Amino acid sequence: MDTSRVNNSSRALWGEMPWGLLDQCPNSVSSTTFLIIAYSAVIAVGLIGNTCLVFVISRQKEMRNVTNIFIANLSCSDILMGIVCLPVTVIYTLMDRWILGEVLCKFTPFVQCMSVTVSIFSLVLIALERHQLILHPTGWKPVVGHSYVAVAVIWMVACFISLPFLSFHVLTNAPYQNLSIPFHPFTDHFICMERWPSNGNRLAYTTSLLLFQYCLPLVLIILCYLRIFLRLRRRKDMVDRAREARKRTKGSQRVNIMLASIVVIFALCWLPLNVFNTVFDWNHEAISMCQHDVIFSACHLTAMASTCVNPIIYGFLNSNFQKELKATLHRCRCWGAPESYESFPLSTVSTEVTKVSSLSNGSFAVNA
């Protein structure tokens, strides 16, 4: 996705709107209040939910397997987005000028791009792992050590992809210098904007981000889960006579539904903003000045809601997560009693009824 604006989130955010004319489209009190409340809710739910998720996975040895490590990595990228990027977006969108200094001007879009890249690559690795475990249950299986290496590689690649934002975002008051008005109230106003060597370079980079951060990863994920679905459907008839195999298949289907739901909601949340950014990139006049901020804010809020999805879906569908959370509350506030854990292997039965694979990397802590 074009991370130069929600990760460049929009020209309203990063400075290619006619800033000197923004006073013609003032924000109403109701819209400002709504934005503050909505963004605050997203920040609170995202930070609290993802922090709890990372805490639970890190504390429980039973939950430290390859899939859960990738899910925790996804939550870490969402936490980074909530701490660094969302508050800055709210301030800049509401004030229509940059007051946070040059360091944050460069660092914020860099972190936004890196966070989104880490999120989508984590989802890709989860899908690839599930694909390997289910389609090749007796073949090579990733272990926990592999997942830590993969997480490190993801962050390094994301950092490299995001580097242009450190170079091409500048703090400037140039748009205000050209205002021909008798009284100039904007002498101390600055904006944070992209300044590329050419418009062609900018379009090439942002289009590449759209392809490699959104379109191609989602196509790969869809193909993986489609093959998983077809394989599990073929196995269903073969395990009807095997009670234990049937239990394992049912549990694996539940895990797949949870993981696929995270991907689908992530894709739907980011779709409006990607469409908005693409339209604005190639024909910025298609969006009028006064409609720009309203449309952008709606699309951006929808995208940022994806930071809340992971802990909500995981919390609803993972009973071990719920048990550990209750146990933590019990230790802190003496609520209830700690509960025991159940688990089932991540892999499912093989294509032959008599073969049931066991994983060397532990179990995915979702109760069957």
Protein backbone atom coordinates (compact mmCIF):
# COMPACT_ATOMS: atom_id res chain seq x y z
CA MET A 1 0.00 0.00 0.00
CA ASP A 2 1.18 3.48 -0.57
CA THR A 3 2.86 3.87 2.75
CA SER A 4 4.13 7.28 1.96
CA ARG A 5 0.92 8.62 3.31
CA VAL A 6 -0.53 6.45 5.82
CA ASN A 7 2.65 6.09 5.48
CA ASN A 8 2.21 9.11 3.54
CA SER A 9 -1.25 8.75 4.53
CA SER A 10 -2.62 11.39 2.33
CA ARG A 11 -1.71 14.66 0.85
CA ALA A 12 -3.76 16.19 3.62
CA LEU A 13 -1.42 14.48 6.03
CA TRP A 14 1.85 14.97 4.22
CA GLY A 15 1.52 18.26 2.51
CA GLU A 16 0.49 18.46 -1.13
CA MET A 17 -2.82 20.18 -0.54
CA PRO A 18 -3.11 23.92 -1.28
CA TRP A 19 -2.34 24.74 2.30
CA GLY A 20 -2.83 28.45 1.97
CA LEU A 21 -6.49 27.89 1.11
CA LEU A 22 -7.33 25.47 3.89
CA ASP A 23 -9.09 28.17 5.87
CA GLN A 24 -11.85 28.04 3.26
CA CYS A 25 -12.81 24.57 4.53
CA PRO A 26 -12.72 24.80 8.32
CA ASN A 27 -13.46 21.74 10.43
CA SER A 28 -16.71 21.88 12.33
CA VAL A 29 -16.76 21.32 16.08
CA SER A 30 -18.71 18.09 15.65
CA SER A 31 -16.31 16.65 13.07
CA THR A 32 -13.31 17.60 15.18
CA THR A 33 -14.87 16.00 18.26
CA PHE A 34 -15.70 12.86 16.31
CA LEU A 35 -12.14 12.56 14.99
CA ILE A 36 -10.63 12.96 18.43
CA ILE A 37 -12.99 10.39 20.00
CA ALA A 38 -12.63 7.90 17.13
CA TYR A 39 -8.85 8.08 16.97
CA SER A 40 -8.59 7.92 20.77
CA ALA A 41 -10.76 4.78 20.80
CA VAL A 42 -8.65 3.12 18.09
CA ILE A 43 -5.42 4.01 19.91
CA ALA A 44 -6.74 2.74 23.27
CA VAL A 45 -8.17 -0.54 21.95
CA GLY A 46 -5.16 -1.20 19.74
CA LEU A 47 -2.56 -0.52 22.42
CA ILE A 48 -4.33 -2.34 25.25
CA GLY A 49 -5.42 -5.32 23.16
CA ASN A 50 -2.10 -5.87 21.40
CA THR A 51 -0.09 -5.36 24.58
CA CYS A 52 -2.21 -7.99 26.35
CA LEU A 53 -1.76 -10.36 23.42
CA VAL A 54 2.03 -10.01 23.37
CA PHE A 55 2.11 -10.34 27.17
CA VAL A 56 0.08 -13.56 27.17
CA ILE A 57 2.07 -15.20 24.36
CA SER A 58 5.40 -14.26 25.93
CA ARG A 59 4.38 -15.57 29.38
CA GLN A 60 2.90 -18.92 28.41
CA LYS A 61 5.37 -21.51 27.18
CA GLU A 62 2.50 -23.54 25.70
CA MET A 63 1.68 -20.64 23.40
CA ARG A 64 5.21 -20.00 22.14
CA ASN A 65 5.08 -21.67 18.74
CA VAL A 66 5.78 -20.45 15.22
CA THR A 67 2.29 -19.17 14.45
CA ASN A 68 1.91 -17.35 17.75
CA ILE A 69 5.32 -15.69 17.40
CA PHE A 70 4.25 -14.28 14.04
CA ILE A 71 0.97 -13.13 15.58
CA ALA A 72 2.88 -11.43 18.40
CA ASN A 73 5.11 -9.78 15.79
CA LEU A 74 1.99 -8.50 14.05
CA SER A 75 0.81 -7.07 17.35
CA CYS A 76 4.18 -5.38 17.94
CA SER A 77 3.91 -3.57 14.61
CA ASP A 78 0.39 -2.44 15.57
CA ILE A 79 1.67 -1.19 18.94
CA LEU A 80 4.37 0.82 17.16
CA MET A 81 1.72 2.31 14.88
CA GLY A 82 -0.46 3.25 17.86
CA ILE A 83 2.36 4.87 19.82
CA VAL A 84 4.16 6.80 17.08
CA CYS A 85 1.88 7.30 14.11
CA LEU A 86 -1.74 7.63 15.17
CA PRO A 87 -1.27 10.53 17.63
CA VAL A 88 0.80 12.39 15.03
CA THR A 89 -1.88 11.85 12.39
CA VAL A 90 -4.57 13.27 14.67
CA ILE A 91 -2.51 16.36 15.51
CA TYR A 92 -1.51 17.07 11.92
CA THR A 93 -4.95 16.45 10.45
CA LEU A 94 -6.68 18.73 12.95
CA MET A 95 -4.09 21.52 12.95
CA ASP A 96 -3.28 21.54 9.21
CA ARG A 97 0.31 22.43 10.04
CA TRP A 98 3.30 20.66 11.48
CA ILE A 99 4.36 21.53 15.03
CA LEU A 100 6.34 18.41 15.93
CA GLY A 101 9.77 19.24 14.52
CA GLU A 102 11.90 17.91 11.69
CA VAL A 103 12.87 14.61 13.36
CA LEU A 104 9.26 13.44 13.68
CA CYS A 105 8.52 14.78 10.20
CA LYS A 106 10.95 12.22 8.77
CA PHE A 107 10.60 9.51 11.41
CA THR A 108 6.79 9.22 11.48
CA PRO A 109 6.21 8.25 7.81
CA PHE A 110 9.25 5.96 8.02
CA VAL A 111 7.76 4.13 11.02
CA GLN A 112 4.34 3.98 9.38
CA CYS A 113 5.72 2.37 6.24
CA MET A 114 7.83 -0.05 8.27
CA SER A 115 4.90 -1.03 10.51
CA VAL A 116 2.55 -1.80 7.63
CA THR A 117 5.27 -3.78 5.84
CA VAL A 118 5.92 -5.87 8.95
CA SER A 119 2.18 -6.51 9.36
CA ILE A 120 1.54 -7.75 5.85
CA PHE A 121 4.73 -9.84 5.72
CA SER A 122 3.80 -11.44 9.06
CA LEU A 123 0.43 -12.42 7.60
CA VAL A 124 2.21 -13.90 4.57
CA LEU A 125 4.51 -16.00 6.76
CA ILE A 126 1.56 -17.25 8.82
CA ALA A 127 -0.21 -18.34 5.63
CA LEU A 128 2.93 -20.03 4.27
CA GLU A 129 3.48 -21.87 7.55
CA ARG A 130 -0.11 -23.12 7.64
CA HIS A 131 0.21 -24.17 3.99
CA GLN A 132 3.34 -26.22 4.74
CA LEU A 133 1.91 -27.86 7.84
CA ILE A 134 -1.38 -28.89 6.26
CA LEU A 135 -0.37 -29.76 2.70
CA HIS A 136 2.92 -31.39 3.70
CA PRO A 137 2.35 -32.63 7.28
CA THR A 138 5.15 -35.21 7.11
CA GLY A 139 7.62 -32.88 5.43
CA TRP A 140 9.81 -30.05 6.72
CA LYS A 141 8.28 -28.04 9.54
CA PRO A 142 9.48 -24.65 10.79
CA VAL A 143 10.51 -24.50 14.44
CA VAL A 144 10.54 -21.64 16.92
CA GLY A 145 14.14 -20.73 16.09
CA HIS A 146 13.21 -20.28 12.44
CA SER A 147 10.39 -17.92 13.39
CA TYR A 148 12.73 -15.59 15.29
CA VAL A 149 15.08 -15.44 12.30
CA ALA A 150 12.12 -14.72 10.00
CA VAL A 151 10.92 -11.91 12.30
CA ALA A 152 14.37 -10.31 12.26
CA VAL A 153 14.52 -10.52 8.45
CA ILE A 154 11.04 -8.99 8.16
CA TRP A 155 12.03 -5.95 10.22
CA MET A 156 15.27 -5.44 8.26
CA VAL A 157 13.46 -5.66 4.92
CA ALA A 158 10.72 -3.32 6.15
CA CYS A 159 13.34 -0.85 7.33
CA PHE A 160 15.08 -0.93 3.94
CA ILE A 161 11.81 -0.45 2.02
CA SER A 162 10.91 2.54 4.20
CA LEU A 163 14.25 4.39 3.90
CA PRO A 164 13.11 6.79 1.13
CA PHE A 165 10.81 8.50 3.62
CA LEU A 166 13.79 9.58 5.68
CA SER A 167 15.26 11.26 2.60
CA PHE A 168 12.24 12.69 0.83
CA HIS A 169 10.18 14.12 3.69
CA VAL A 170 11.12 17.69 4.53
CA LEU A 171 9.90 20.34 6.94
CA THR A 172 9.17 23.56 5.06
CA ASN A 173 7.13 26.76 5.13
CA ALA A 174 7.35 27.21 1.35
CA PRO A 175 3.58 26.95 0.67
CA TYR A 176 2.91 29.84 3.04
CA GLN A 177 5.59 32.10 1.55
CA ASN A 178 3.67 32.51 -1.73
CA LEU A 179 0.49 33.86 -0.12
CA SER A 180 -0.28 37.36 -1.37
CA ILE A 181 -2.37 38.74 1.45
CA PRO A 182 -2.04 42.08 3.28
CA PHE A 183 -1.66 40.50 6.70
CA HIS A 184 0.38 37.30 6.81
CA PRO A 185 -0.55 35.17 9.85
CA PHE A 186 1.38 32.09 8.69
CA THR A 187 4.99 33.23 8.94
CA ASP A 188 5.75 30.61 11.60
CA HIS A 189 3.70 27.80 10.02
CA PHE A 190 5.44 24.69 8.65
CA ILE A 191 4.26 21.58 6.87
CA CYS A 192 5.79 18.14 6.52
CA MET A 193 5.73 17.16 2.87
CA GLU A 194 7.31 14.86 0.32
CA ARG A 195 9.93 16.36 -1.95
CA TRP A 196 10.99 13.87 -4.61
CA PRO A 197 13.51 14.49 -7.42
CA SER A 198 10.62 14.13 -9.88
CA ASN A 199 6.94 13.23 -9.93
CA GLY A 200 7.81 10.13 -11.95
CA ASN A 201 10.06 8.85 -9.17
CA ARG A 202 7.31 9.38 -6.61
CA LEU A 203 4.71 7.56 -8.72
CA ALA A 204 7.09 4.66 -9.38
CA TYR A 205 7.83 4.24 -5.69
CA THR A 206 4.27 4.59 -4.41
CA THR A 207 2.93 2.24 -7.10
CA SER A 208 5.60 -0.31 -6.18
CA LEU A 209 4.53 -0.06 -2.55
CA LEU A 210 0.91 -0.66 -3.52
CA LEU A 211 1.92 -3.82 -5.37
CA PHE A 212 4.42 -5.25 -2.87
CA GLN A 213 2.70 -4.13 0.35
CA TYR A 214 -0.89 -4.95 -0.55
CA CYS A 215 -1.76 -6.59 -3.88
CA LEU A 216 0.88 -9.32 -4.29
CA PRO A 217 0.99 -10.39 -0.60
CA LEU A 218 -2.78 -10.71 -0.48
CA VAL A 219 -2.83 -12.76 -3.69
CA LEU A 220 -0.24 -15.11 -2.19
CA ILE A 221 -2.19 -15.38 1.08
CA ILE A 222 -5.44 -16.09 -0.74
CA LEU A 223 -3.80 -18.85 -2.78
CA CYS A 224 -2.37 -20.45 0.37
CA TYR A 225 -5.68 -20.47 2.23
CA LEU A 226 -7.56 -21.64 -0.85
CA ARG A 227 -5.28 -24.67 -1.16
CA ILE A 228 -5.63 -25.29 2.59
CA PHE A 229 -9.42 -25.18 2.31
CA LEU A 230 -9.47 -27.61 -0.61
CA ARG A 231 -7.12 -30.02 1.15
CA LEU A 232 -9.14 -30.00 4.39
CA ARG A 233 -12.35 -30.54 2.49
CA ARG A 234 -10.83 -33.59 0.78
CA ARG A 235 -9.69 -34.97 4.12
CA LYS A 236 -13.05 -34.58 5.79
CA ASP A 237 -14.54 -37.76 4.36
CA MET A 238 -11.35 -39.70 5.02
CA VAL A 239 -11.28 -38.99 8.77
CA ASP A 240 -14.94 -39.53 9.56
CA ARG A 241 -14.14 -42.95 10.96
CA ALA A 242 -11.19 -41.79 13.05
CA ARG A 243 -12.29 -39.95 16.19
CA GLU A 244 -8.90 -38.49 17.14
CA ALA A 245 -8.14 -37.49 13.57
CA ARG A 246 -11.55 -35.85 13.33
CA LYS A 247 -10.83 -33.86 16.50
CA ARG A 248 -7.52 -32.67 15.10
CA THR A 249 -9.08 -31.66 11.80
CA LYS A 250 -11.85 -29.74 13.55
CA GLY A 251 -9.31 -27.89 15.68
CA SER A 252 -7.13 -27.04 12.69
CA GLN A 253 -10.16 -25.71 10.82
CA ARG A 254 -10.87 -23.42 13.75
CA VAL A 255 -7.31 -22.08 13.67
CA ASN A 256 -7.52 -21.53 9.92
CA ILE A 257 -10.79 -19.64 10.27
CA MET A 258 -9.23 -17.37 12.88
CA LEU A 259 -6.12 -16.66 10.80
CA ALA A 260 -8.06 -16.19 7.57
CA SER A 261 -10.42 -13.78 9.36
CA ILE A 262 -7.47 -11.63 10.44
CA VAL A 263 -6.27 -11.48 6.83
CA VAL A 264 -9.69 -10.69 5.35
CA ILE A 265 -10.40 -7.89 7.81
CA PHE A 266 -6.90 -6.48 7.34
CA ALA A 267 -7.42 -6.40 3.56
CA LEU A 268 -10.87 -4.80 3.83
CA CYS A 269 -9.68 -2.18 6.32
CA TRP A 270 -6.84 -1.04 4.06
CA LEU A 271 -8.75 -1.19 0.77
CA PRO A 272 -10.50 2.25 0.99
CA LEU A 273 -7.26 4.07 1.80
CA ASN A 274 -5.37 2.34 -1.00
CA VAL A 275 -8.09 3.31 -3.47
CA PHE A 276 -8.05 6.88 -2.15
CA ASN A 277 -4.26 7.15 -2.40
CA THR A 278 -4.18 5.66 -5.90
CA VAL A 279 -6.83 8.07 -7.17
CA PHE A 280 -5.06 11.02 -5.61
CA ASP A 281 -1.66 9.91 -6.96
CA TRP A 282 -2.79 9.73 -10.55
CA ASN A 283 -5.50 12.41 -10.62
CA HIS A 284 -5.48 14.62 -7.52
CA GLU A 285 -8.05 16.97 -9.06
CA ALA A 286 -10.65 14.18 -8.85
CA ILE A 287 -10.98 14.96 -5.13
CA SER A 288 -12.03 18.47 -4.27
CA MET A 289 -10.13 20.40 -1.63
CA CYS A 290 -12.96 20.58 0.89
CA GLN A 291 -13.84 16.89 0.50
CA HIS A 292 -10.26 15.73 0.75
CA ASP A 293 -9.84 15.78 4.51
CA VAL A 294 -13.24 14.23 5.16
CA ILE A 295 -12.68 11.35 2.74
CA PHE A 296 -9.12 10.86 3.91
CA SER A 297 -10.11 10.78 7.59
CA ALA A 298 -12.80 8.17 6.93
CA CYS A 299 -10.41 5.99 4.90
CA HIS A 300 -7.57 6.45 7.36
CA LEU A 301 -9.72 5.58 10.38
CA THR A 302 -10.89 2.44 8.61
CA ALA A 303 -7.30 1.44 7.91
CA MET A 304 -6.19 2.14 11.46
CA ALA A 305 -9.03 -0.02 12.79
CA SER A 306 -6.95 -2.95 11.52
CA THR A 307 -4.65 -2.42 14.52
CA CYS A 308 -7.54 -3.53 16.77
CA VAL A 309 -8.50 -6.61 14.77
CA ASN A 310 -5.72 -8.98 15.80
CA PRO A 311 -6.36 -9.03 19.58
CA ILE A 312 -10.15 -8.97 19.19
CA ILE A 313 -10.33 -11.97 16.85
CA TYR A 314 -7.58 -13.82 18.70
CA GLY A 315 -9.24 -13.14 22.05
CA PHE A 316 -12.66 -14.34 20.91
CA LEU A 317 -11.42 -17.53 19.25
CA ASN A 318 -8.49 -18.53 21.45
CA SER A 319 -9.73 -19.94 24.73
CA ASN A 320 -6.19 -20.27 26.13
CA PHE A 321 -5.70 -16.54 25.63
CA GLN A 322 -8.89 -15.95 27.61
CA LYS A 323 -7.74 -18.33 30.38
CA GLU A 324 -4.34 -16.70 30.72
CA LEU A 325 -5.94 -13.25 30.81
CA LYS A 326 -8.28 -14.41 33.57
CA ALA A 327 -5.36 -15.94 35.43
CA THR A 328 -3.47 -12.65 35.20
CA LEU A 329 -6.47 -10.76 36.52
CA HIS A 330 -6.76 -13.32 39.30
CA ARG A 331 -3.17 -12.70 40.35
CA CYS A 332 -3.69 -8.93 40.24
CA ARG A 333 -7.20 -8.61 41.64
CA CYS A 334 -8.08 -12.06 42.98
CA TRP A 335 -10.85 -12.57 40.41
CA GLY A 336 -11.85 -16.19 39.92
CA ALA A 337 -9.47 -19.14 39.81
CA PRO A 338 -6.81 -20.02 37.24
CA GLU A 339 -7.88 -22.48 34.59
CA SER A 340 -6.08 -25.40 33.01
CA TYR A 341 -4.95 -25.39 29.38
CA GLU A 342 -5.81 -27.60 26.47
CA SER A 343 -4.12 -27.66 23.12
CA PHE A 344 -3.99 -29.50 19.86
CA PRO A 345 -1.20 -29.75 17.28
CA LEU A 346 -1.01 -27.18 14.52
CA SER A 347 -0.87 -29.81 11.82
CA THR A 348 -3.78 -31.88 10.66
CA VAL A 349 -4.03 -35.48 9.59
CA SER A 350 -2.29 -36.41 6.39
CA THR A 351 -4.05 -37.40 3.21
CA GLU A 352 -4.05 -40.99 4.42
CA VAL A 353 -6.41 -41.75 7.26
CA THR A 354 -3.82 -43.71 9.20
CA LYS A 355 -1.28 -40.90 9.25
CA VAL A 356 -1.49 -38.17 11.85
CA SER A 357 1.50 -35.85 12.10
CA SER A 358 2.89 -34.46 15.33
CA LEU A 359 4.75 -31.18 15.34
CA SER A 360 8.12 -30.61 16.85
CA ASN A 361 7.39 -26.95 17.43
CA GLY A 362 4.65 -27.39 20.01
CA SER A 363 0.94 -26.75 19.77
CA PHE A 364 -1.18 -23.82 18.84
CA ALA A 365 -3.01 -22.91 21.99
CA VAL A 366 -6.55 -22.88 20.73
CA ASN A 367 -8.93 -25.31 22.28
CA ALA A 368 -10.70 -27.75 20.02
